C-alpha atoms as a PDB file:
ATOM      1  CA  MET A   1     -35.270  -0.397 -13.756  1.00  0.00           C
ATOM      2  CA  ALA A   2     -32.328  -2.802 -13.652  1.00  0.00           C
ATOM      3  CA  LYS A   3     -31.531  -4.647 -10.458  1.00  0.00           C
ATOM      4  CA  THR A   4     -28.072  -4.083  -9.042  1.00  0.00           C
ATOM      5  CA  ALA A   5     -26.224  -7.264  -8.182  1.00  0.00           C
ATOM      6  CA  THR A   6     -25.704  -7.822  -4.475  1.00  0.00           C
ATOM      7  CA  PRO A   7     -22.937 -10.095  -3.293  1.00  0.00           C
ATOM      8  CA  LYS A   8     -24.190 -13.440  -2.097  1.00  0.00           C
ATOM      9  CA  THR A   9     -21.333 -13.852   0.365  1.00  0.00           C
ATOM     10  CA  TYR A  10     -19.650 -11.951   3.161  1.00  0.00           C
ATOM     11  CA  LEU A  11     -16.316 -12.363   4.904  1.00  0.00           C
ATOM     12  CA  TRP A  12     -16.378 -13.487   8.560  1.00  0.00           C
ATOM     13  CA  CYS A  13     -13.683 -12.731  11.142  1.00  0.00           C
ATOM     14  CA  ASP A  14     -13.603 -15.360  13.902  1.00  0.00           C
ATOM     15  CA  VAL A  15     -11.482 -13.089  16.136  1.00  0.00           C
ATOM     16  CA  CYS A  16     -13.631  -9.945  15.985  1.00  0.00           C
ATOM     17  CA  ARG A  17     -16.824 -11.969  15.436  1.00  0.00           C
ATOM     18  CA  ARG A  18     -17.985  -9.625  12.685  1.00  0.00           C
ATOM     19  CA  SER A  19     -18.809  -9.882   9.024  1.00  0.00           C
ATOM     20  CA  TYR A  20     -17.553  -7.553   6.318  1.00  0.00           C
ATOM     21  CA  GLY A  21     -18.407  -6.987   2.695  1.00  0.00           C
ATOM     22  CA  HIS A  22     -15.783  -7.913   0.125  1.00  0.00           C
ATOM     23  CA  ASP A  23     -15.246  -4.192  -0.612  1.00  0.00           C
ATOM     24  CA  ASP A  24     -14.294  -3.608   3.044  1.00  0.00           C
ATOM     25  CA  ALA A  25     -11.567  -6.273   2.933  1.00  0.00           C
ATOM     26  CA  PRO A  26     -10.353  -6.834  -0.640  1.00  0.00           C
ATOM     27  CA  ASP A  27      -7.411  -8.952   0.584  1.00  0.00           C
ATOM     28  CA  ALA A  28      -9.754 -11.102   2.768  1.00  0.00           C
ATOM     29  CA  LEU A  29      -7.963  -9.906   5.934  1.00  0.00           C
ATOM     30  CA  CYS A  30      -9.987  -8.399   8.754  1.00  0.00           C
ATOM     31  CA  PRO A  31      -9.734  -4.587   8.602  1.00  0.00           C
ATOM     32  CA  VAL A  32      -9.577  -4.461  12.420  1.00  0.00           C
ATOM     33  CA  CYS A  33      -7.235  -7.266  13.468  1.00  0.00           C
ATOM     34  CA  ALA A  34      -5.680  -8.381  10.122  1.00  0.00           C
ATOM     35  CA  THR A  35      -6.704 -12.014  10.694  1.00  0.00           C
ATOM     36  CA  PRO A  36      -7.542 -14.006   7.552  1.00  0.00           C
ATOM     37  CA  MET A  37     -11.317 -14.215   7.174  1.00  0.00           C
ATOM     38  CA  ARG A  38     -13.503 -16.874   5.642  1.00  0.00           C
ATOM     39  CA  GLU A  39     -16.238 -16.500   3.117  1.00  0.00           C
ATOM     40  CA  MET A  40     -19.795 -17.415   4.042  1.00  0.00           C
ATOM     41  CA  GLY A  41     -23.294 -16.934   2.768  1.00  0.00           C
ATOM     42  CA  ARG A  42     -25.209 -13.781   3.533  1.00  0.00           C
ATOM     43  CA  LEU A  43     -27.741 -15.501   5.802  1.00  0.00           C
ATOM     44  CA  SER A  44     -25.014 -17.323   7.751  1.00  0.00           C
ATOM     45  CA  ALA A  45     -23.112 -14.069   8.260  1.00  0.00           C
ATOM     46  CA  ILE A  46     -26.231 -12.306   9.513  1.00  0.00           C
ATOM     47  CA  ALA A  47     -27.086 -15.193  11.868  1.00  0.00           C
ATOM     48  CA  ARG A  48     -23.506 -15.341  13.191  1.00  0.00           C
ATOM     49  CA  GLY A  49     -23.563 -11.589  13.722  1.00  0.00           C
ATOM     50  CA  PHE A  50     -26.751 -11.821  15.785  1.00  0.00           C
ATOM     51  CA  MET A  51     -25.352 -14.714  17.808  1.00  0.00           C
ATOM     52  CA  ALA A  52     -22.054 -12.890  18.360  1.00  0.00           C
ATOM     53  CA  ASN A  53     -23.913  -9.824  19.633  1.00  0.00           C
ATOM     54  CA  GLU A  54     -25.928 -12.017  22.003  1.00  0.00           C
ATOM     55  CA  LEU A  55     -22.818 -13.807  23.304  1.00  0.00           C
ATOM     56  CA  VAL A  56     -20.583 -10.748  23.688  1.00  0.00           C
ATOM     57  CA  ALA A  57     -21.545  -7.880  25.976  1.00  0.00           C
ATOM     58  CA  SER A  58     -19.969  -5.267  23.694  1.00  0.00           C
ATOM     59  CA  ASP A  59     -17.205  -4.689  21.212  1.00  0.00           C
ATOM     60  CA  LEU A  60     -15.031  -2.911  23.791  1.00  0.00           C
ATOM     61  CA  ARG A  61     -12.135  -5.360  23.291  1.00  0.00           C
ATOM     62  CA  THR A  62     -12.099  -4.637  19.558  1.00  0.00           C
ATOM     63  CA  LYS A  63     -12.254  -0.880  20.153  1.00  0.00           C
ATOM     64  CA  HIS A  64      -9.504  -1.184  22.761  1.00  0.00           C
ATOM     65  CA  ARG A  65      -7.284  -3.005  20.229  1.00  0.00           C
ATOM     66  CA  GLN A  66      -8.037  -0.290  17.653  1.00  0.00           C
ATOM     67  CA  LEU A  67      -7.092   2.460  20.112  1.00  0.00           C
ATOM     68  CA  VAL A  68      -3.821   0.705  21.012  1.00  0.00           C
ATOM     69  CA  ARG A  69      -3.022   0.362  17.292  1.00  0.00           C
ATOM     70  CA  LEU A  70      -3.838   4.017  16.613  1.00  0.00           C
ATOM     71  CA  ILE A  71      -1.620   5.170  19.482  1.00  0.00           C
ATOM     72  CA  TRP A  72       1.519   3.233  18.566  1.00  0.00           C
ATOM     73  CA  THR A  73       1.246   3.812  14.801  1.00  0.00           C
ATOM     74  CA  ARG A  74       0.562   7.555  14.935  1.00  0.00           C
ATOM     75  CA  ASN A  75       2.979   9.931  13.227  1.00  0.00           C
ATOM     76  CA  GLY A  76       4.205   7.124  10.974  1.00  0.00           C
ATOM     77  CA  MET A  77       5.839   5.117  13.775  1.00  0.00           C
ATOM     78  CA  GLY A  78       4.344   1.859  12.523  1.00  0.00           C
ATOM     79  CA  GLU A  79       5.848   2.369   9.070  1.00  0.00           C
ATOM     80  CA  ARG A  80       9.219   3.307  10.578  1.00  0.00           C
ATOM     81  CA  TYR A  81       9.389   0.144  12.694  1.00  0.00           C
ATOM     82  CA  TYR A  82       8.310  -1.881   9.660  1.00  0.00           C
ATOM     83  CA  LYS A  83      11.071  -0.408   7.488  1.00  0.00           C
ATOM     84  CA  VAL A  84      13.749  -0.937  10.147  1.00  0.00           C
ATOM     85  CA  LEU A  85      12.792  -4.528  10.925  1.00  0.00           C
ATOM     86  CA  ALA A  86      11.866  -5.374   7.306  1.00  0.00           C
ATOM     87  CA  PRO A  87       9.852  -8.467   8.312  1.00  0.00           C
ATOM     88  CA  ASP A  88       8.793 -10.938   5.655  1.00  0.00           C
ATOM     89  CA  LEU A  89       5.069 -10.298   6.050  1.00  0.00           C
ATOM     90  CA  PRO A  90       2.573  -7.668   4.895  1.00  0.00           C
ATOM     91  CA  TYR A  91       2.345  -4.426   6.854  1.00  0.00           C
ATOM     92  CA  ASN A  92      -1.167  -5.093   8.181  1.00  0.00           C
ATOM     93  CA  ARG A  93      -0.033  -8.398   9.732  1.00  0.00           C
ATOM     94  CA  PHE A  94       3.048  -6.681  11.182  1.00  0.00           C
ATOM     95  CA  GLU A  95       0.815  -4.011  12.693  1.00  0.00           C
ATOM     96  CA  ALA A  96      -1.535  -6.616  14.205  1.00  0.00           C
ATOM     97  CA  ARG A  97       1.356  -8.598  15.743  1.00  0.00           C
ATOM     98  CA  VAL A  98       2.997  -5.520  17.280  1.00  0.00           C
ATOM     99  CA  THR A  99      -0.393  -4.417  18.626  1.00  0.00           C
ATOM    100  CA  GLU A 100      -0.786  -7.823  20.307  1.00  0.00           C
ATOM    101  CA  LEU A 101       2.766  -7.544  21.702  1.00  0.00           C
ATOM    102  CA  LEU A 102       2.000  -4.125  23.185  1.00  0.00           C
ATOM    103  CA  MET A 103      -1.248  -5.353  24.717  1.00  0.00           C
ATOM    104  CA  ARG A 104       0.631  -8.285  26.274  1.00  0.00           C
ATOM    105  CA  GLY A 105       3.241  -5.817  27.545  1.00  0.00           C
ATOM    106  CA  ALA A 106       0.475  -3.747  29.145  1.00  0.00           C
ATOM    107  CA  GLU A 107      -0.947  -6.869  30.811  1.00  0.00           C
ATOM    108  CA  GLU A 108       2.536  -7.763  32.104  1.00  0.00           C
ATOM    109  CA  GLY A 109       3.161  -4.193  33.274  1.00  0.00           C
ATOM    110  CA  TRP A 110       6.138  -3.115  31.155  1.00  0.00           C
ATOM    111  CA  VAL A 111       4.002  -1.017  28.744  1.00  0.00           C
ATOM    112  CA  ARG A 112       1.600   1.777  29.691  1.00  0.00           C
ATOM    113  CA  PHE A 113      -0.862   3.614  27.493  1.00  0.00           C
ATOM    114  CA  VAL A 114      -1.521   7.193  28.518  1.00  0.00           C
ATOM    115  CA  LEU A 115      -4.947   8.607  27.653  1.00  0.00           C
ATOM    116  CA  PRO A 116      -6.393  12.018  28.446  1.00  0.00           C
ATOM    117  CA  PRO A 117      -9.366  12.036  30.852  1.00  0.00           C
ATOM    118  CA  ALA A 118     -11.624  13.197  28.003  1.00  0.00           C
ATOM    119  CA  PRO A 119     -11.288  12.978  24.215  1.00  0.00           C
ATOM    120  CA  SER A 120      -8.707  15.455  23.003  1.00  0.00           C
ATOM    121  CA  SER A 121      -7.657  16.860  19.652  1.00  0.00           C
ATOM    122  CA  ASP A 122      -4.070  16.940  20.945  1.00  0.00           C
ATOM    123  CA  ASP A 123      -2.491  13.739  19.591  1.00  0.00           C
ATOM    124  CA  ALA A 124       0.380  14.081  22.080  1.00  0.00           C
ATOM    125  CA  ALA A 125      -2.111  13.393  24.891  1.00  0.00           C
ATOM    126  CA  TYR A 126      -2.286   9.799  23.646  1.00  0.00           C
ATOM    127  CA  ARG A 127       0.979   7.920  24.002  1.00  0.00           C
ATOM    128  CA  VAL A 128       2.683   4.677  24.863  1.00  0.00           C
ATOM    129  CA  GLU A 129       5.349   4.526  27.583  1.00  0.00           C
ATOM    130  CA  PHE A 130       7.793   1.717  28.333  1.00  0.00           C
ATOM    131  CA  ASP A 131       9.304   0.807  31.690  1.00  0.00           C
ATOM    132  CA  ASP A 132      12.101  -0.795  29.679  1.00  0.00           C
ATOM    133  CA  ASP A 133      12.569   0.467  26.092  1.00  0.00           C
ATOM    134  CA  GLU A 134      15.132  -2.250  25.448  1.00  0.00           C
ATOM    135  CA  ARG A 135      12.654  -4.988  26.321  1.00  0.00           C
ATOM    136  CA  PHE A 136      10.262  -3.755  23.639  1.00  0.00           C
ATOM    137  CA  VAL A 137      13.064  -3.782  21.069  1.00  0.00           C
ATOM    138  CA  ARG A 138      14.198  -7.293  22.144  1.00  0.00           C
ATOM    139  CA  GLU A 139      10.634  -8.626  22.065  1.00  0.00           C
ATOM    140  CA  MET A 140      10.043  -7.225  18.560  1.00  0.00           C
ATOM    141  CA  GLU A 141      13.350  -8.544  17.245  1.00  0.00           C
ATOM    142  CA  ALA A 142      12.640 -11.991  18.711  1.00  0.00           C
ATOM    143  CA  MET A 143       9.092 -12.038  17.357  1.00  0.00           C
ATOM    144  CA  PHE A 144      10.141 -11.256  13.814  1.00  0.00           C
ATOM    145  CA  ALA A 145      13.353 -13.312  13.921  1.00  0.00           C
ATOM    146  CA  SER A 146      11.244 -16.378  14.780  1.00  0.00           C
ATOM    147  CA  THR A 147       8.847 -15.512  11.922  1.00  0.00           C
ATOM    148  CA  ALA A 148      11.741 -15.310   9.454  1.00  0.00           C
ATOM    149  CA  ALA A 149      13.219 -18.605  10.732  1.00  0.00           C
ATOM    150  CA  ALA A 150       9.839 -20.369  10.523  1.00  0.00           C
ATOM    151  CA  GLU A 151       9.175 -19.119   6.996  1.00  0.00           C
ATOM    152  CA  GLY A 152      12.765 -19.517   5.753  1.00  0.00           C
END
């Protein structure tokens, strides 16, 4: 019986503190937060994973970020914003930056995420609300205008 080759390296995300196989992230960007990852040996990735689990109580922050991303991108809204703004960066990085903006907005109080009291199959039960719609638009325009100026 022939042995199947196993990859000798994994990709490590310093933000999420997780390792991924190369198949999970072919562009070497974290599938959760879109941060560039670094390659490391299998043993190092396993050891880092154990240490990360010991140091972090849970992955609630990562799941929270995923839920925020799922809410604002549902029904193709992420793609629509991306097409309108036409930023000079890949979609996954755009999505990660807008997710961070919305989480900052929630911390500052001008964005609210509405969740049903229990999991629901009704997508409309999950939504984002703005105290000031114009602020969100201004913040996005400023964020991507500065990116274009820095790269241009």
